[in-house]
C-alpha atoms as a PDB file:
ATOM      1  CA  MET A   1     -95.437  11.131 212.530  1.00  0.00           C
ATOM      2  CA  ALA A   2     -92.280  12.876 211.026  1.00  0.00           C
ATOM      3  CA  ASN A   3     -91.866  10.475 208.136  1.00  0.00           C
ATOM      4  CA  PRO A   4     -94.156   9.376 205.975  1.00  0.00           C
ATOM      5  CA  VAL A   5     -96.060   6.179 206.588  1.00  0.00           C
ATOM      6  CA  SER A   6     -97.849   3.126 204.609  1.00  0.00           C
ATOM      7  CA  ARG A   7    -101.500   2.797 204.031  1.00  0.00           C
ATOM      8  CA  ALA A   8    -101.535   0.277 206.325  1.00  0.00           C
ATOM      9  CA  GLN A   9     -99.553   1.769 209.068  1.00  0.00           C
ATOM     10  CA  LEU A  10    -102.167   4.962 208.895  1.00  0.00           C
ATOM     11  CA  ALA A  11    -104.917   2.991 208.767  1.00  0.00           C
ATOM     12  CA  ASP A  12    -103.584   0.862 212.279  1.00  0.00           C
ATOM     13  CA  ALA A  13    -102.783   4.465 213.751  1.00  0.00           C
ATOM     14  CA  LEU A  14    -105.958   6.140 212.573  1.00  0.00           C
ATOM     15  CA  GLY A  15    -107.917   2.655 214.443  1.00  0.00           C
ATOM     16  CA  GLU A  16    -106.235   3.417 217.550  1.00  0.00           C
ATOM     17  CA  HIS A  17    -107.906   7.036 217.826  1.00  0.00           C
ATOM     18  CA  LEU A  18    -111.078   6.733 216.136  1.00  0.00           C
ATOM     19  CA  PRO A  19    -112.992   5.549 219.524  1.00  0.00           C
ATOM     20  CA  TYR A  20    -111.540   8.770 221.311  1.00  0.00           C
ATOM     21  CA  LEU A  21    -112.919  10.544 217.953  1.00  0.00           C
ATOM     22  CA  ARG A  22    -116.121   8.587 218.297  1.00  0.00           C
ATOM     23  CA  ARG A  23    -116.294   9.944 222.376  1.00  0.00           C
ATOM     24  CA  TYR A  24    -116.072  13.582 221.235  1.00  0.00           C
ATOM     25  CA  ALA A  25    -118.093  13.600 218.348  1.00  0.00           C
ATOM     26  CA  ARG A  26    -120.912  12.414 220.553  1.00  0.00           C
ATOM     27  CA  ALA A  27    -120.417  14.647 223.164  1.00  0.00           C
ATOM     28  CA  LEU A  28    -120.352  17.676 220.883  1.00  0.00           C
ATOM     29  CA  THR A  29    -123.420  16.785 219.448  1.00  0.00           C
ATOM     30  CA  GLY A  30    -125.510  14.652 222.593  1.00  0.00           C
ATOM     31  CA  SER A  31    -126.203  11.958 220.183  1.00  0.00           C
ATOM     32  CA  GLN A  32    -124.374   8.460 218.955  1.00  0.00           C
ATOM     33  CA  THR A  33    -126.278   8.734 215.970  1.00  0.00           C
ATOM     34  CA  SER A  34    -125.051  12.052 214.940  1.00  0.00           C
ATOM     35  CA  GLY A  35    -121.922  11.900 216.365  1.00  0.00           C
ATOM     36  CA  ASP A  36    -120.693   8.764 214.950  1.00  0.00           C
ATOM     37  CA  ALA A  37    -122.217  10.130 211.390  1.00  0.00           C
ATOM     38  CA  TYR A  38    -119.739  12.789 211.569  1.00  0.00           C
ATOM     39  CA  ALA A  39    -116.987  10.312 212.610  1.00  0.00           C
ATOM     40  CA  ALA A  40    -117.609   8.529 209.940  1.00  0.00           C
ATOM     41  CA  ALA A  41    -117.780  11.057 207.209  1.00  0.00           C
ATOM     42  CA  THR A  42    -114.301  12.336 208.415  1.00  0.00           C
ATOM     43  CA  LEU A  43    -112.885   8.695 207.590  1.00  0.00           C
ATOM     44  CA  GLU A  44    -114.551   9.239 204.186  1.00  0.00           C
ATOM     45  CA  ALA A  45    -112.735  12.394 203.862  1.00  0.00           C
ATOM     46  CA  ILE A  46    -109.668  10.954 204.680  1.00  0.00           C
ATOM     47  CA  LEU A  47    -109.813   8.033 202.599  1.00  0.00           C
ATOM     48  CA  GLN A  48    -110.394   9.923 199.372  1.00  0.00           C
ATOM     49  CA  ASP A  49    -107.558  12.243 200.417  1.00  0.00           C
ATOM     50  CA  ALA A  50    -104.713  10.984 202.956  1.00  0.00           C
ATOM     51  CA  GLU A  51    -102.507  13.386 202.036  1.00  0.00           C
ATOM     52  CA  ALA A  52    -104.853  16.248 203.691  1.00  0.00           C
ATOM     53  CA  LEU A  53    -103.353  14.796 206.834  1.00  0.00           C
ATOM     54  CA  ASP A  54     -99.854  16.731 207.746  1.00  0.00           C
ATOM     55  CA  PRO A  55     -97.322  13.659 208.840  1.00  0.00           C
ATOM     56  CA  HIS A  56     -95.507  16.389 210.682  1.00  0.00           C
ATOM     57  CA  HIS A  57     -97.983  16.808 213.504  1.00  0.00           C
ATOM     58  CA  PRO A  58     -99.641  13.463 215.499  1.00  0.00           C
ATOM     59  CA  VAL A  59    -102.465  11.335 213.566  1.00  0.00           C
ATOM     60  CA  ASN A  60    -104.995  12.319 216.392  1.00  0.00           C
ATOM     61  CA  VAL A  61    -104.275  15.519 216.147  1.00  0.00           C
ATOM     62  CA  GLU A  62    -105.061  15.699 212.399  1.00  0.00           C
ATOM     63  CA  LEU A  63    -107.823  13.157 212.332  1.00  0.00           C
ATOM     64  CA  PHE A  64    -109.986  15.948 214.853  1.00  0.00           C
ATOM     65  CA  ARG A  65    -108.752  18.580 212.815  1.00  0.00           C
ATOM     66  CA  MET A  66    -110.354  16.724 209.616  1.00  0.00           C
ATOM     67  CA  PHE A  67    -113.031  16.160 211.786  1.00  0.00           C
ATOM     68  CA  HIS A  68    -113.448  19.956 212.453  1.00  0.00           C
ATOM     69  CA  GLY A  69    -113.437  21.036 209.164  1.00  0.00           C
ATOM     70  CA  ILE A  70    -116.438  18.706 208.229  1.00  0.00           C
ATOM     71  CA  TRP A  71    -118.226  19.862 211.411  1.00  0.00           C
ATOM     72  CA  ALA A  72    -117.876  23.556 210.616  1.00  0.00           C
ATOM     73  CA  SER A  73    -119.238  23.223 207.265  1.00  0.00           C
ATOM     74  CA  ALA A  74    -122.083  21.194 208.627  1.00  0.00           C
ATOM     75  CA  GLY A  75    -122.444  21.951 212.269  1.00  0.00           C
ATOM     76  CA  ALA A  76    -124.501  24.800 211.557  1.00  0.00           C
ATOM     77  CA  ALA A  77    -127.600  23.002 209.125  1.00  0.00           C
ATOM     78  CA  THR A  78    -127.636  20.142 211.876  1.00  0.00           C
ATOM     79  CA  ALA A  79    -128.752  22.573 214.288  1.00  0.00           C
ATOM     80  CA  ALA A  80    -131.147  23.896 212.221  1.00  0.00           C
ATOM     81  CA  ASP A  81    -133.058  20.782 211.282  1.00  0.00           C
ATOM     82  CA  ALA A  82    -132.874  19.635 215.067  1.00  0.00           C
ATOM     83  CA  THR A  83    -136.342  18.696 216.836  1.00  0.00           C
ATOM     84  CA  GLY A  84    -137.471  17.520 220.033  1.00  0.00           C
ATOM     85  CA  PRO A  85    -134.778  17.045 222.621  1.00  0.00           C
ATOM     86  CA  GLU A  86    -132.267  18.064 220.435  1.00  0.00           C
ATOM     87  CA  ALA A  87    -133.701  21.345 219.391  1.00  0.00           C
ATOM     88  CA  ARG A  88    -134.012  22.314 223.553  1.00  0.00           C
ATOM     89  CA  ALA A  89    -130.179  21.567 223.200  1.00  0.00           C
ATOM     90  CA  GLN A  90    -129.346  23.330 220.397  1.00  0.00           C
ATOM     91  CA  ALA A  91    -131.463  26.529 221.812  1.00  0.00           C
ATOM     92  CA  HIS A  92    -129.080  26.184 224.608  1.00  0.00           C
ATOM     93  CA  LEU A  93    -126.177  26.193 222.519  1.00  0.00           C
ATOM     94  CA  GLY A  94    -126.970  28.772 220.607  1.00  0.00           C
ATOM     95  CA  LYS A  95    -126.109  31.158 223.822  1.00  0.00           C
ATOM     96  CA  LEU A  96    -122.865  30.187 223.971  1.00  0.00           C
ATOM     97  CA  THR A  97    -119.776  32.052 222.796  1.00  0.00           C
ATOM     98  CA  LYS A  98    -118.841  30.445 219.024  1.00  0.00           C
ATOM     99  CA  ASN A  99    -116.462  27.077 219.185  1.00  0.00           C
ATOM    100  CA  THR A 100    -116.320  27.429 223.151  1.00  0.00           C
ATOM    101  CA  ARG A 101    -117.773  23.762 223.945  1.00  0.00           C
ATOM    102  CA  GLU A 102    -115.678  22.311 221.317  1.00  0.00           C
ATOM    103  CA  ALA A 103    -112.471  23.816 222.699  1.00  0.00           C
ATOM    104  CA  LEU A 104    -113.406  23.027 225.936  1.00  0.00           C
ATOM    105  CA  LEU A 105    -114.056  19.197 225.425  1.00  0.00           C
ATOM    106  CA  LEU A 106    -110.947  18.881 223.591  1.00  0.00           C
ATOM    107  CA  HIS A 107    -109.106  20.398 226.331  1.00  0.00           C
ATOM    108  CA  THR A 108    -110.301  18.347 229.056  1.00  0.00           C
ATOM    109  CA  ILE A 109    -112.431  15.584 227.798  1.00  0.00           C
ATOM    110  CA  GLU A 110    -109.555  14.705 225.356  1.00  0.00           C
ATOM    111  CA  GLU A 111    -106.724  15.917 227.254  1.00  0.00           C
ATOM    112  CA  PHE A 112    -105.124  18.119 224.155  1.00  0.00           C
ATOM    113  CA  GLY A 113    -103.202  21.202 224.997  1.00  0.00           C
ATOM    114  CA  PHE A 114    -103.617  24.261 223.826  1.00  0.00           C
ATOM    115  CA  ALA A 115    -101.244  24.292 220.720  1.00  0.00           C
ATOM    116  CA  ASP A 116    -103.150  21.156 219.360  1.00  0.00           C
ATOM    117  CA  ILE A 117    -106.581  22.664 220.080  1.00  0.00           C
ATOM    118  CA  ALA A 118    -104.847  25.680 217.709  1.00  0.00           C
ATOM    119  CA  ARG A 119    -103.934  23.162 214.915  1.00  0.00           C
ATOM    120  CA  ILE A 120    -107.016  21.057 214.950  1.00  0.00           C
ATOM    121  CA  MET A 121    -109.805  24.033 215.242  1.00  0.00           C
ATOM    122  CA  GLN A 122    -107.370  26.046 213.127  1.00  0.00           C
ATOM    123  CA  ILE A 123    -106.955  29.351 215.338  1.00  0.00           C
ATOM    124  CA  ASP A 124    -104.128  30.348 217.246  1.00  0.00           C
ATOM    125  CA  ARG A 125    -102.992  29.313 220.974  1.00  0.00           C
ATOM    126  CA  ASP A 126    -104.331  32.454 222.777  1.00  0.00           C
ATOM    127  CA  GLU A 127    -107.373  32.152 221.298  1.00  0.00           C
ATOM    128  CA  ALA A 128    -107.836  28.597 222.375  1.00  0.00           C
ATOM    129  CA  GLU A 129    -107.099  29.156 225.612  1.00  0.00           C
ATOM    130  CA  TYR A 130    -109.761  32.043 225.477  1.00  0.00           C
ATOM    131  CA  LEU A 131    -111.931  29.838 224.308  1.00  0.00           C
ATOM    132  CA  VAL A 132    -111.936  26.975 226.935  1.00  0.00           C
ATOM    133  CA  ASN A 133    -111.819  29.404 229.646  1.00  0.00           C
ATOM    134  CA  ARG A 134    -115.077  31.330 228.125  1.00  0.00           C
ATOM    135  CA  ALA A 135    -116.936  28.125 228.074  1.00  0.00           C
ATOM    136  CA  ARG A 136    -116.201  26.973 231.531  1.00  0.00           C
ATOM    137  CA  GLU A 137    -117.590  31.032 232.596  1.00  0.00           C
ATOM    138  CA  GLU A 138    -120.467  30.511 229.963  1.00  0.00           C
ATOM    139  CA  MET A 139    -121.318  26.842 230.886  1.00  0.00           C
ATOM    140  CA  ALA A 140    -121.067  27.540 234.907  1.00  0.00           C
ATOM    141  CA  GLY A 141    -124.513  27.330 236.627  1.00  0.00           C
ATOM    142  CA  SER A 142    -126.344  27.398 233.391  1.00  0.00           C
ATOM    143  CA  VAL A 143    -128.289  24.689 233.832  1.00  0.00           C
ATOM    144  CA  MET A 144    -128.800  23.381 237.338  1.00  0.00           C
ATOM    145  CA  GLY A 145    -130.562  19.817 238.651  1.00  0.00           C
ATOM    146  CA  ARG A 146    -130.630  16.437 240.394  1.00  0.00           C
ATOM    147  CA  VAL A 147    -127.792  14.233 240.184  1.00  0.00           C
ATOM    148  CA  MET A 148    -128.040  10.433 241.212  1.00  0.00           C
ATOM    149  CA  ILE A 149    -124.909   8.762 241.336  1.00  0.00           C
ATOM    150  CA  ILE A 150    -124.214   4.982 240.591  1.00  0.00           C
ATOM    151  CA  GLU A 151    -120.826   3.833 241.741  1.00  0.00           C
ATOM    152  CA  ASP A 152    -119.672   0.963 244.141  1.00  0.00           C
ATOM    153  CA  GLU A 153    -116.297   2.278 245.487  1.00  0.00           C
ATOM    154  CA  ALA A 154    -117.091   4.430 248.433  1.00  0.00           C
ATOM    155  CA  VAL A 155    -114.106   6.866 248.253  1.00  0.00           C
ATOM    156  CA  ILE A 156    -115.066   7.146 244.292  1.00  0.00           C
ATOM    157  CA  ALA A 157    -118.497   7.908 245.014  1.00  0.00           C
ATOM    158  CA  MET A 158    -117.780  10.464 247.822  1.00  0.00           C
ATOM    159  CA  ASP A 159    -115.578  12.339 245.375  1.00  0.00           C
ATOM    160  CA  LEU A 160    -118.086  12.259 242.907  1.00  0.00           C
ATOM    161  CA  GLU A 161    -120.817  13.713 244.983  1.00  0.00           C
ATOM    162  CA  SER A 162    -118.552  16.388 246.150  1.00  0.00           C
ATOM    163  CA  MET A 163    -118.196  17.331 242.726  1.00  0.00           C
ATOM    164  CA  VAL A 164    -121.612  17.330 241.649  1.00  0.00           C
ATOM    165  CA  ARG A 165    -122.144  19.543 244.842  1.00  0.00           C
ATOM    166  CA  ASP A 166    -119.255  22.134 244.256  1.00  0.00           C
ATOM    167  CA  LEU A 167    -121.204  22.449 240.702  1.00  0.00           C
ATOM    168  CA  GLY A 168    -124.187  23.952 242.558  1.00  0.00           C
ATOM    169  CA  HIS A 169    -125.982  20.584 241.259  1.00  0.00           C
ATOM    170  CA  GLU A 170    -128.532  18.354 244.196  1.00  0.00           C
ATOM    171  CA  ALA A 171    -126.847  14.898 244.421  1.00  0.00           C
ATOM    172  CA  ILE A 172    -129.900  12.898 245.649  1.00  0.00           C
ATOM    173  CA  GLY A 173    -128.253   9.788 246.480  1.00  0.00           C
ATOM    174  CA  ILE A 174    -125.442   6.900 245.534  1.00  0.00           C
ATOM    175  CA  ALA A 175    -126.586   3.643 244.799  1.00  0.00           C
ATOM    176  CA  ARG A 176    -124.012   0.680 244.886  1.00  0.00           C
ATOM    177  CA  THR A 177    -126.217  -2.530 242.873  1.00  0.00           C
ATOM    178  CA  ARG A 178    -128.444  -2.228 240.124  1.00  0.00           C
ATOM    179  CA  ASP A 179    -131.641  -3.379 242.136  1.00  0.00           C
ATOM    180  CA  GLY A 180    -130.431  -0.379 244.552  1.00  0.00           C
ATOM    181  CA  ALA A 181    -130.115   2.098 241.301  1.00  0.00           C
ATOM    182  CA  VAL A 182    -133.397   0.944 240.163  1.00  0.00           C
ATOM    183  CA  HIS A 183    -135.226   1.886 243.689  1.00  0.00           C
ATOM    184  CA  MET A 184    -133.412   4.789 244.099  1.00  0.00           C
ATOM    185  CA  GLY A 185    -133.993   6.272 240.627  1.00  0.00           C
ATOM    186  CA  SER A 186    -137.669   5.355 240.416  1.00  0.00           C
ATOM    187  CA  THR A 187    -138.471   7.162 243.412  1.00  0.00           C
ATOM    188  CA  GLU A 188    -136.081  10.460 243.407  1.00  0.00           C
ATOM    189  CA  LEU A 189    -136.216  10.864 239.626  1.00  0.00           C
ATOM    190  CA  PRO A 190    -132.961  12.155 238.805  1.00  0.00           C
ATOM    191  CA  ASP A 191    -132.071  14.840 235.796  1.00  0.00           C
ATOM    192  CA  LEU A 192    -128.554  13.205 235.451  1.00  0.00           C
ATOM    193  CA  ILE A 193    -127.050   9.922 235.886  1.00  0.00           C
ATOM    194  CA  LEU A 194    -123.637   9.625 236.496  1.00  0.00           C
ATOM    195  CA  ALA A 195    -122.761   5.725 236.375  1.00  0.00           C
ATOM    196  CA  ASP A 196    -120.034   3.252 236.806  1.00  0.00           C
ATOM    197  CA  ILE A 197    -120.102  -0.008 234.903  1.00  0.00           C
ATOM    198  CA  GLN A 198    -119.126  -2.424 237.295  1.00  0.00           C
ATOM    199  CA  LEU A 199    -121.015  -2.497 240.215  1.00  0.00           C
ATOM    200  CA  ALA A 200    -120.380  -4.025 243.698  1.00  0.00           C
ATOM    201  CA  ASP A 201    -122.566  -7.044 243.060  1.00  0.00           C
ATOM    202  CA  ASN A 202    -120.820  -7.661 239.645  1.00  0.00           C
ATOM    203  CA  SER A 203    -124.051  -6.625 238.206  1.00  0.00           C
ATOM    204  CA  SER A 204    -123.551  -3.637 235.653  1.00  0.00           C
ATOM    205  CA  GLY A 205    -124.121  -0.078 236.087  1.00  0.00           C
ATOM    206  CA  ILE A 206    -125.390  -0.255 232.139  1.00  0.00           C
ATOM    207  CA  ASP A 207    -127.788  -2.467 232.789  1.00  0.00           C
ATOM    208  CA  ALA A 208    -128.789  -0.601 235.997  1.00  0.00           C
ATOM    209  CA  VAL A 209    -129.513   2.448 233.578  1.00  0.00           C
ATOM    210  CA  ASN A 210    -131.275   0.416 230.859  1.00  0.00           C
ATOM    211  CA  ASP A 211    -133.688  -0.626 233.643  1.00  0.00           C
ATOM    212  CA  LEU A 212    -134.301   3.073 234.672  1.00  0.00           C
ATOM    213  CA  LEU A 213    -134.358   4.945 231.618  1.00  0.00           C
ATOM    214  CA  ALA A 214    -137.350   2.731 230.786  1.00  0.00           C
ATOM    215  CA  ILE A 215    -139.016   4.428 233.773  1.00  0.00           C
ATOM    216  CA  LEU A 216    -137.508   7.892 233.495  1.00  0.00           C
ATOM    217  CA  GLY A 217    -137.323   8.223 229.509  1.00  0.00           C
ATOM    218  CA  ASP A 218    -134.776  10.917 228.310  1.00  0.00           C
ATOM    219  CA  THR A 219    -132.486  11.478 230.992  1.00  0.00           C
ATOM    220  CA  PRO A 220    -129.248  12.021 230.345  1.00  0.00           C
ATOM    221  CA  VAL A 221    -126.147   9.805 231.431  1.00  0.00           C
ATOM    222  CA  ILE A 222    -122.171   9.773 231.914  1.00  0.00           C
ATOM    223  CA  PHE A 223    -120.698   6.315 232.574  1.00  0.00           C
ATOM    224  CA  ILE A 224    -117.548   6.004 233.748  1.00  0.00           C
ATOM    225  CA  THR A 225    -115.186   3.296 232.778  1.00  0.00           C
ATOM    226  CA  ALA A 226    -111.548   1.772 232.949  1.00  0.00           C
ATOM    227  CA  PHE A 227    -111.975   0.568 229.491  1.00  0.00           C
ATOM    228  CA  PRO A 228    -113.556   3.321 227.148  1.00  0.00           C
ATOM    229  CA  GLU A 229    -112.871   1.807 224.045  1.00  0.00           C
ATOM    230  CA  ARG A 230    -115.296  -1.200 224.737  1.00  0.00           C
ATOM    231  CA  LEU A 231    -118.141   1.375 224.695  1.00  0.00           C
ATOM    232  CA  LEU A 232    -116.807   3.209 221.733  1.00  0.00           C
ATOM    233  CA  THR A 233    -117.587   0.710 218.931  1.00  0.00           C
ATOM    234  CA  GLY A 234    -119.912   2.228 216.882  1.00  0.00           C
ATOM    235  CA  GLU A 235    -121.731  -1.527 216.487  1.00  0.00           C
ATOM    236  CA  ARG A 236    -124.338  -1.087 219.163  1.00  0.00           C
ATOM    237  CA  PRO A 237    -126.529   1.505 220.984  1.00  0.00           C
ATOM    238  CA  GLU A 238    -123.669   3.164 223.652  1.00  0.00           C
ATOM    239  CA  PRO A 239    -123.261   6.199 225.181  1.00  0.00           C
ATOM    240  CA  ALA A 240    -122.979  10.024 224.203  1.00  0.00           C
ATOM    241  CA  PHE A 241    -121.180  10.937 227.325  1.00  0.00           C
ATOM    242  CA  LEU A 242    -118.247   8.646 228.606  1.00  0.00           C
ATOM    243  CA  ILE A 243    -115.575   9.414 231.113  1.00  0.00           C
ATOM    244  CA  SER A 244    -112.158   6.719 231.611  1.00  0.00           C
ATOM    245  CA  LYS A 245    -110.661   5.950 234.532  1.00  0.00           C
ATOM    246  CA  PRO A 246    -108.868   7.390 235.884  1.00  0.00           C
ATOM    247  CA  TYR A 247    -110.425  10.321 235.717  1.00  0.00           C
ATOM    248  CA  SER A 248    -109.466  14.138 236.380  1.00  0.00           C
ATOM    249  CA  GLU A 249    -111.722  16.581 238.527  1.00  0.00           C
ATOM    250  CA  ASP A 250    -111.970  18.606 235.185  1.00  0.00           C
ATOM    251  CA  GLN A 251    -112.694  16.081 233.108  1.00  0.00           C
ATOM    252  CA  VAL A 252    -115.868  15.171 235.676  1.00  0.00           C
ATOM    253  CA  ARG A 253    -117.070  18.602 235.983  1.00  0.00           C
ATOM    254  CA  SER A 254    -116.633  19.209 231.993  1.00  0.00           C
ATOM    255  CA  ALA A 255    -118.785  16.105 231.359  1.00  0.00           C
ATOM    256  CA  ILE A 256    -121.678  17.100 233.643  1.00  0.00           C
ATOM    257  CA  SER A 257    -121.812  20.268 232.779  1.00  0.00           C
ATOM    258  CA  GLN A 258    -122.087  19.285 229.202  1.00  0.00           C
ATOM    259  CA  ALA A 259    -124.652  16.403 229.851  1.00  0.00           C
ATOM    260  CA  MET A 260    -126.734  18.935 231.934  1.00  0.00           C
ATOM    261  CA  PHE A 261    -126.821  21.457 229.256  1.00  0.00           C
ATOM    262  CA  PHE A 262    -128.047  19.435 226.577  1.00  0.00           C
ATOM    263  CA  SER A 263    -130.490  18.222 229.150  1.00  0.00           C
ATOM    264  CA  SER A 264    -131.251  15.180 227.036  1.00  0.00           C
ATOM    265  CA  THR A 265    -129.600  12.700 225.314  1.00  0.00           C
ATOM    266  CA  GLU A 266    -129.122   9.530 223.382  1.00  0.00           C
ATOM    267  CA  THR A 267    -128.113   6.170 226.128  1.00  0.00           C
ATOM    268  CA  LEU A 268    -127.399   3.092 225.733  1.00  0.00           C
ATOM    269  CA  ARG A 269    -131.240   1.980 225.066  1.00  0.00           C
ATOM    270  CA  ALA A 270    -131.629  -0.596 222.409  1.00  0.00           C
END
C-alpha cells in the first residue's frame, strides 16, 4: 500500500483481512465474544482516524498493529475481571513472559514474519524473534491432556495423531463420522477435541462437536477447515481456535498448545 487509497478501497482491504483478525483475537482471548469485541473496537478506532494506518505498510499489518494498541491498553483490565474458566486461563497466562503468546500466534497461526511482528507489536525484530522462541519454550509441556481427533482422511488423521503425541499429549482415538465421534468422546472424555469440518459420511464435524459439548461441557476445540472465512464472520456462535488447510506442523502444534493452555474456551454451541 505505497500509494494513498480511497475510503472504499480501504474498507474493502480491511474487510478482506477482518476474518483473520477475528481468528487471532479469539485465539488470544480464548473467547469468540471477547475476541470479536476487540476486533470491533479496532475497526471503530480506524473509522475515527483512518490516517492512523500508515500507507507504506501492508493493510493487514496496520490492522493488527491498531488491534495491538487497543489490546495492550485494555488487556490487563479484562484479565482482572475474569471469572470461572477464563480466570483459570488468565492464571496460566500470568506465568508466561509478557507478549510471548501474542508473538507466537502472529508468527505461527497468522504467518507474519518477524519484521511484521515487530511493526505490529511496536518492538524491534530481534525481540520479536526472541518472544516467539521464548513462547515455545514456556508453553511446551505446560498443560498435558487427552486429545480426540475427528478426521476422515487417514493420512491427515495419522499426521495429527503423531503431532499430538510428540507434544506429550495422549491421543485417545480417531473418529471419522459424527456418530463415531459422539460415541468415542462420550466414553473416552477428552480434554481437547481436534476436528475437521467435513467428515467421511458427509456429516459435519461442527455437529459432532456440538453433540459432544452437550455431554462434555466446557472442552476446548480446534477446528481445521479449508474455508476459515466461513467460520469467522461474527454472525453466529463460532470457534475460538481455527486452523486453515493446508496447515503447517508449526500451526497445529501452536494451536494445540494454546488451546490446552487455556484449558477451556467458547466453541460453536448456540
